[in-house]
Amino acid sequence: MEKTAFITGITGQDGAYLAELLLSKGYRVVGGFRRLSTPNFWRLDELGITDRVILEEIDILDVGNLIRVIDRHEPDEVYNLGAQSFVAHSFSNPVLTGKVTGLGVTNILEAIRIVNKNIRFYQASTSELFGLVQEIPQKETTPFYPRSPYGVAKLYGHWITINYRESYGIFASCGILFNHESPLRGIEFVTRKITDAVAKIYHEKQDYFEIGNMDARRDWGYAKEYVEGMWRILQAKKPDSYVLATGETHSVREWIEVCFGFIGRRIAWEGSNENEVGKDEKTGKVLVKVNPAYFRPAEVDILVGDPTKAKTELGWEAKVKYKELAEIMLQKDLERNK
């Protein structure tokens, strides 16, 4: 019997890849999107699936709207990927972030509780929950210490999911996903910002780019693999929380060096702190500058996940690591910027 999945945030990176995956598994896919003055379906278009999904305009802050959509489509599974997900933006818009990324989760869970408690629910938690890390690597039992309004809102969403599971018997699970990137990543995110800028520099459309903290370290994986993990989390025998990660950590600086390496440029670093620059080792031309405006008020210095539980219980593991991921993203941006 055909299953139906409802995905909030279907127009985002993860939503688009998840929709593609579920369609390949024979699901009927309903996608919730936020109304904008100009529809933003480019990711679905790029994957060639826009006409294969049912698109519903939703408001994650309107529980009545969510009840009507869930009641009409009768999904077997709900994946909540809708959020204000840009960490830097959360510092300038903390209240909106709290409402959408935090309280929005409660609205979806409440809609499920009212319509059909047998619906399985996936909440997109995040490695930003760990923030000021209490142990290395981070796993499901590591204490949380978020360092941004986004992280704090996600912490609420994480715990309210567990609360609805324990209070109402809903199959509600959380995926604590570490950074996962792809050619569908928004250009405001650092990995994609870098691959796009390096591609423009290669095609002589840009001279240099500006960056914030280059020594922040992250566990970067391939988003297309991570949505498989989301699906597996909802196929498990019981609801739970799972870390999805590569188990490796690399700095923003390393990402920059690897990307330039793919186009035959070697970076020589000069200066320190906000006066540091990255120069082409051969020509001496400045290609990278530090801009303090991109620093976070409270930085997260290092994130690296331990995905042992997901591998053991779900059979999931990341195969694409950061160098291959950087090449995948850069090649696509080189094509886009021709």
Protein backbone atom coordinates (compact mmCIF):
# COMPACT_ATOMS: atom_id res chain seq x y z
CA MET A 1 0.00 0.00 0.00
CA GLU A 2 1.33 3.44 -0.99
CA LYS A 3 2.57 5.54 1.92
CA THR A 4 2.11 9.29 2.16
CA ALA A 5 4.75 11.60 3.61
CA PHE A 6 4.28 15.25 4.53
CA ILE A 7 7.47 17.32 4.50
CA THR A 8 7.60 20.83 5.93
CA GLY A 9 10.35 22.92 4.38
CA ILE A 10 10.27 20.96 1.12
CA THR A 11 11.84 23.84 -0.81
CA GLY A 12 15.03 23.68 1.28
CA GLN A 13 18.11 21.54 0.66
CA ASP A 14 17.04 18.66 2.90
CA GLY A 15 13.38 18.84 1.94
CA ALA A 16 14.19 18.56 -1.77
CA TYR A 17 16.57 15.63 -1.35
CA LEU A 18 14.17 13.87 1.03
CA ALA A 19 11.30 14.31 -1.43
CA GLU A 20 13.46 12.81 -4.19
CA LEU A 21 14.36 9.85 -1.97
CA LEU A 22 10.78 9.16 -0.87
CA LEU A 23 9.49 9.37 -4.44
CA SER A 24 12.07 6.75 -5.41
CA LYS A 25 10.66 4.53 -2.66
CA GLY A 26 7.12 4.84 -4.00
CA TYR A 27 5.76 7.41 -1.54
CA ARG A 28 3.13 9.98 -2.30
CA VAL A 29 4.86 13.19 -1.22
CA VAL A 30 3.11 16.29 0.08
CA GLY A 31 5.34 19.30 0.64
CA GLY A 32 4.61 22.30 2.82
CA PHE A 33 6.15 25.62 1.82
CA ARG A 34 6.01 29.16 3.11
CA ARG A 35 4.42 31.66 0.78
CA LEU A 36 6.88 34.19 -0.62
CA SER A 37 6.28 36.98 -3.12
CA THR A 38 8.29 34.87 -5.58
CA PRO A 39 7.96 31.07 -5.26
CA ASN A 40 11.31 29.45 -4.45
CA PHE A 41 11.19 26.01 -6.07
CA TRP A 42 14.62 26.03 -7.72
CA ARG A 43 15.90 23.01 -5.78
CA LEU A 44 12.87 20.91 -6.73
CA ASP A 45 13.27 22.12 -10.30
CA GLU A 46 16.96 21.18 -10.33
CA LEU A 47 16.10 17.66 -9.17
CA GLY A 48 13.30 17.48 -11.74
CA ILE A 49 10.60 16.61 -9.20
CA THR A 50 8.50 19.78 -8.87
CA ASP A 51 5.59 18.24 -10.81
CA ARG A 52 5.82 14.95 -8.89
CA VAL A 53 5.04 16.36 -5.44
CA ILE A 54 1.87 17.92 -4.05
CA LEU A 55 2.70 21.42 -2.86
CA GLU A 56 0.74 23.01 -0.02
CA GLU A 57 1.17 26.54 1.26
CA ILE A 58 1.46 26.28 5.05
CA ASP A 59 2.06 28.50 8.05
CA ILE A 60 3.97 26.63 10.73
CA LEU A 61 2.73 29.16 13.28
CA ASP A 62 -0.94 28.44 12.49
CA VAL A 63 -1.96 25.15 14.11
CA GLY A 64 -5.38 25.32 12.45
CA ASN A 65 -3.75 25.44 9.03
CA LEU A 66 -1.58 22.44 9.91
CA ILE A 67 -4.55 20.46 11.21
CA ARG A 68 -6.43 21.02 7.94
CA VAL A 69 -3.48 20.01 5.76
CA ILE A 70 -2.67 16.88 7.80
CA ASP A 71 -6.35 15.89 7.97
CA ARG A 72 -6.78 16.33 4.21
CA HIS A 73 -3.71 14.35 3.12
CA GLU A 74 -3.65 11.69 5.88
CA PRO A 75 0.14 11.21 5.96
CA ASP A 76 1.80 8.13 7.44
CA GLU A 77 4.95 10.10 8.18
CA VAL A 78 5.63 13.79 8.87
CA TYR A 79 9.13 15.22 8.50
CA ASN A 80 9.58 18.63 10.07
CA LEU A 81 12.38 20.33 8.14
CA GLY A 82 10.79 23.79 8.18
CA ALA A 83 12.71 26.32 10.27
CA GLN A 84 14.58 29.60 10.32
CA SER A 85 17.80 27.64 9.88
CA PHE A 86 20.53 30.24 9.33
CA VAL A 87 22.41 30.56 12.62
CA ALA A 88 23.80 34.07 11.99
CA HIS A 89 20.31 35.35 11.15
CA SER A 90 19.00 34.05 14.48
CA PHE A 91 21.08 36.61 16.40
CA SER A 92 19.38 39.51 14.60
CA ASN A 93 15.95 37.83 14.60
CA PRO A 94 15.80 35.86 17.87
CA VAL A 95 12.04 36.15 18.48
CA LEU A 96 11.06 35.01 14.98
CA THR A 97 13.58 32.17 15.25
CA GLY A 98 12.08 31.11 18.57
CA LYS A 99 8.55 31.10 17.19
CA VAL A 100 9.25 29.26 13.93
CA THR A 101 12.09 26.94 14.92
CA GLY A 102 10.83 26.24 18.43
CA LEU A 103 7.08 26.74 18.84
CA GLY A 104 6.44 25.65 15.26
CA VAL A 105 7.41 22.12 16.30
CA THR A 106 4.71 22.14 18.98
CA ASN A 107 2.11 23.24 16.45
CA ILE A 108 2.90 20.28 14.18
CA LEU A 109 2.92 17.82 17.09
CA GLU A 110 -0.37 19.21 18.37
CA ALA A 111 -1.89 18.84 14.91
CA ILE A 112 -0.75 15.20 14.83
CA ARG A 113 -2.13 14.59 18.33
CA ILE A 114 -5.52 15.98 17.30
CA VAL A 115 -5.79 14.37 13.84
CA ASN A 116 -4.06 10.99 14.18
CA LYS A 117 -1.61 9.91 16.88
CA ASN A 118 -0.46 7.00 14.72
CA ILE A 119 1.42 9.34 12.36
CA ARG A 120 5.19 8.97 12.70
CA PHE A 121 7.00 12.27 13.27
CA TYR A 122 10.60 13.25 12.50
CA GLN A 123 12.09 16.38 14.07
CA ALA A 124 15.20 17.90 12.52
CA SER A 125 17.43 18.51 15.52
CA THR A 126 20.96 19.83 15.05
CA SER A 127 24.55 19.63 16.21
CA GLU A 128 24.15 23.30 17.23
CA LEU A 129 22.45 21.88 20.34
CA PHE A 130 25.93 20.98 21.60
CA GLY A 131 27.36 24.50 21.13
CA LEU A 132 29.97 24.91 23.86
CA VAL A 133 30.81 21.23 23.68
CA GLN A 134 30.94 19.24 26.90
CA GLU A 135 32.77 16.28 25.36
CA ILE A 136 34.47 15.28 22.11
CA PRO A 137 33.05 13.65 20.06
CA GLN A 138 29.40 14.46 20.71
CA LYS A 139 26.82 11.67 20.91
CA GLU A 140 23.19 11.25 21.91
CA THR A 141 23.99 11.36 25.64
CA THR A 142 26.26 14.43 25.49
CA PRO A 143 24.84 17.36 27.53
CA PHE A 144 23.50 20.23 25.41
CA TYR A 145 24.86 23.79 25.61
CA PRO A 146 23.50 25.83 22.65
CA ARG A 147 25.27 29.08 21.79
CA SER A 148 22.79 30.86 19.52
CA PRO A 149 19.08 31.71 19.44
CA TYR A 150 18.81 29.10 16.70
CA GLY A 151 20.40 26.45 18.91
CA VAL A 152 18.18 27.38 21.85
CA ALA A 153 15.04 27.21 19.69
CA LYS A 154 16.11 23.83 18.33
CA LEU A 155 16.65 22.64 21.90
CA TYR A 156 13.02 23.44 22.68
CA GLY A 157 11.93 21.62 19.52
CA HIS A 158 14.03 18.60 20.48
CA TRP A 159 12.61 18.30 23.98
CA ILE A 160 8.99 19.01 23.04
CA THR A 161 9.27 16.13 20.54
CA ILE A 162 10.42 13.81 23.31
CA ASN A 163 7.67 15.17 25.57
CA TYR A 164 4.91 14.39 23.05
CA ARG A 165 6.39 10.92 22.59
CA GLU A 166 6.31 10.23 26.31
CA SER A 167 3.02 12.02 27.04
CA TYR A 168 0.86 10.87 24.13
CA GLY A 169 2.58 7.77 22.77
CA ILE A 170 3.35 9.38 19.42
CA PHE A 171 6.16 7.80 17.38
CA ALA A 172 8.24 11.00 17.51
CA SER A 173 11.96 10.84 16.81
CA CYS A 174 14.81 13.33 16.48
CA GLY A 175 17.74 13.31 14.09
CA ILE A 176 20.67 15.24 15.58
CA LEU A 177 22.31 16.01 12.27
CA PHE A 178 25.77 17.51 12.06
CA ASN A 179 26.53 19.91 9.22
CA HIS A 180 25.43 18.43 5.91
CA GLU A 181 26.06 20.23 2.65
CA SER A 182 25.47 19.85 -1.09
CA PRO A 183 25.18 21.80 -4.33
CA LEU A 184 21.63 22.63 -3.17
CA ARG A 185 22.91 24.43 -0.05
CA GLY A 186 21.88 28.08 0.26
CA ILE A 187 24.63 30.50 -0.72
CA GLU A 188 24.47 32.17 2.72
CA PHE A 189 25.97 29.05 4.32
CA VAL A 190 29.76 29.11 4.60
CA THR A 191 30.58 25.98 2.58
CA ARG A 192 28.48 27.05 -0.41
CA LYS A 193 29.59 30.67 -0.05
CA ILE A 194 33.17 29.46 -0.47
CA THR A 195 32.58 27.08 -3.40
CA ASP A 196 30.57 29.75 -5.23
CA ALA A 197 33.24 32.41 -4.61
CA VAL A 198 36.11 30.12 -5.66
CA ALA A 199 34.20 29.26 -8.86
CA LYS A 200 33.68 32.97 -9.60
CA ILE A 201 37.37 33.68 -8.98
CA TYR A 202 38.29 30.84 -11.33
CA HIS A 203 36.05 32.30 -14.05
CA GLU A 204 37.44 35.81 -13.32
CA LYS A 205 34.04 37.11 -12.24
CA GLN A 206 35.25 38.00 -8.72
CA ASP A 207 38.61 39.02 -7.22
CA TYR A 208 38.27 37.88 -3.59
CA PHE A 209 35.74 37.00 -0.92
CA GLU A 210 35.29 37.86 2.76
CA ILE A 211 34.88 35.35 5.56
CA GLY A 212 34.42 35.22 9.35
CA ASN A 213 36.02 32.78 11.77
CA MET A 214 38.19 30.46 9.68
CA ASP A 215 39.25 28.31 12.61
CA ALA A 216 35.77 27.06 13.53
CA ARG A 217 35.74 23.29 13.03
CA ARG A 218 32.77 21.32 11.78
CA ASP A 219 31.76 17.77 10.92
CA TRP A 220 30.65 18.13 7.29
CA GLY A 221 28.72 15.42 5.43
CA TYR A 222 26.72 15.07 2.22
CA ALA A 223 23.05 16.04 2.59
CA LYS A 224 21.89 13.49 0.04
CA GLU A 225 23.13 10.71 2.34
CA TYR A 226 21.69 12.31 5.48
CA VAL A 227 18.09 12.29 4.24
CA GLU A 228 18.41 8.50 3.94
CA GLY A 229 19.21 8.57 7.66
CA MET A 230 16.06 10.60 8.35
CA TRP A 231 13.94 8.00 6.59
CA ARG A 232 15.64 5.15 8.45
CA ILE A 233 14.97 6.87 11.78
CA LEU A 234 11.22 6.66 11.10
CA GLN A 235 11.46 3.01 10.01
CA ALA A 236 13.04 1.96 13.33
CA LYS A 237 11.16 -0.31 15.74
CA LYS A 238 10.85 2.41 18.36
CA PRO A 239 11.14 6.21 18.42
CA ASP A 240 14.46 7.62 19.60
CA SER A 241 17.15 10.23 18.94
CA TYR A 242 20.11 9.59 16.63
CA VAL A 243 23.29 11.48 15.79
CA LEU A 244 24.07 11.52 12.06
CA ALA A 245 27.67 12.58 11.38
CA THR A 246 30.88 11.59 9.58
CA GLY A 247 32.99 11.44 12.75
CA GLU A 248 35.57 13.82 11.22
CA THR A 249 36.10 17.51 11.93
CA HIS A 250 37.76 20.12 9.71
CA SER A 251 38.17 23.88 9.86
CA VAL A 252 36.70 26.51 7.54
CA ARG A 253 40.31 27.35 6.66
CA GLU A 254 40.85 23.75 5.46
CA TRP A 255 37.70 23.94 3.35
CA ILE A 256 39.01 27.11 1.69
CA GLU A 257 42.41 25.53 0.99
CA VAL A 258 40.87 22.36 -0.44
CA CYS A 259 38.55 24.30 -2.76
CA PHE A 260 41.34 26.50 -4.10
CA GLY A 261 43.49 23.39 -4.49
CA PHE A 262 40.94 21.93 -6.90
CA ILE A 263 41.48 24.93 -9.24
CA GLY A 264 45.26 24.82 -8.92
CA ARG A 265 45.70 27.65 -6.43
CA ARG A 266 47.69 27.36 -3.22
CA ILE A 267 46.85 29.79 -0.41
CA ALA A 268 49.52 31.51 1.70
CA TRP A 269 48.15 33.05 4.90
CA GLU A 270 49.48 36.36 6.19
CA GLY A 271 48.58 38.52 9.19
CA SER A 272 46.43 37.57 12.15
CA ASN A 273 42.91 37.91 13.51
CA GLU A 274 40.79 40.38 11.53
CA ASN A 275 43.84 41.50 9.54
CA GLU A 276 44.58 38.03 8.17
CA VAL A 277 44.42 37.53 4.42
CA GLY A 278 44.84 34.56 2.11
CA LYS A 279 47.03 35.18 -0.94
CA ASP A 280 47.67 33.21 -4.09
CA GLU A 281 51.10 31.73 -3.33
CA LYS A 282 52.29 32.28 -6.92
CA THR A 283 50.92 35.73 -7.75
CA GLY A 284 50.58 37.29 -4.29
CA LYS A 285 47.04 38.39 -5.15
CA VAL A 286 44.68 38.57 -2.17
CA LEU A 287 41.87 36.03 -2.57
CA VAL A 288 40.49 35.83 0.99
CA LYS A 289 39.88 38.57 3.55
CA VAL A 290 38.52 38.40 7.10
CA ASN A 291 35.46 40.51 7.88
CA PRO A 292 34.59 40.77 11.62
CA ALA A 293 30.95 41.38 10.66
CA TYR A 294 30.71 37.65 9.99
CA PHE A 295 31.84 36.65 13.50
CA ARG A 296 29.15 35.20 15.76
CA PRO A 297 28.50 36.92 19.11
CA ALA A 298 29.02 33.49 20.74
CA GLU A 299 31.11 31.11 18.67
CA VAL A 300 30.89 27.34 18.44
CA ASP A 301 34.52 26.31 18.11
CA ILE A 302 34.32 22.61 17.34
CA LEU A 303 31.68 20.06 16.43
CA VAL A 304 32.35 16.40 15.67
CA GLY A 305 29.76 13.67 15.99
CA ASP A 306 29.86 10.04 17.02
CA PRO A 307 27.44 8.20 14.67
CA THR A 308 27.95 4.76 16.26
CA LYS A 309 24.33 4.40 17.38
CA ALA A 310 22.95 5.18 13.91
CA LYS A 311 25.36 2.71 12.32
CA THR A 312 24.57 -0.03 14.83
CA GLU A 313 20.78 0.37 15.05
CA LEU A 314 19.89 1.83 11.64
CA GLY A 315 22.68 0.55 9.40
CA TRP A 316 23.40 4.14 8.35
CA GLU A 317 26.84 5.66 7.84
CA ALA A 318 28.27 8.58 5.91
CA LYS A 319 30.35 7.57 2.91
CA VAL A 320 31.17 10.95 1.33
CA LYS A 321 33.76 12.82 3.41
CA TYR A 322 34.71 16.48 3.26
CA LYS A 323 37.22 16.52 0.37
CA GLU A 324 34.90 14.63 -1.95
CA LEU A 325 32.01 16.79 -0.76
CA ALA A 326 33.96 19.99 -1.48
CA GLU A 327 34.74 18.72 -4.98
CA ILE A 328 31.08 17.82 -5.66
CA MET A 329 29.95 21.30 -4.62
CA LEU A 330 32.75 23.17 -6.38
CA GLN A 331 32.24 21.33 -9.67
CA LYS A 332 28.57 22.29 -9.65
CA ASP A 333 29.38 25.94 -8.91
CA LEU A 334 32.02 25.96 -11.65
CA GLU A 335 29.26 24.86 -14.06
CA ARG A 336 26.79 27.42 -12.71
CA ASN A 337 29.25 30.30 -13.01
CA LYS A 338 30.50 29.66 -16.56
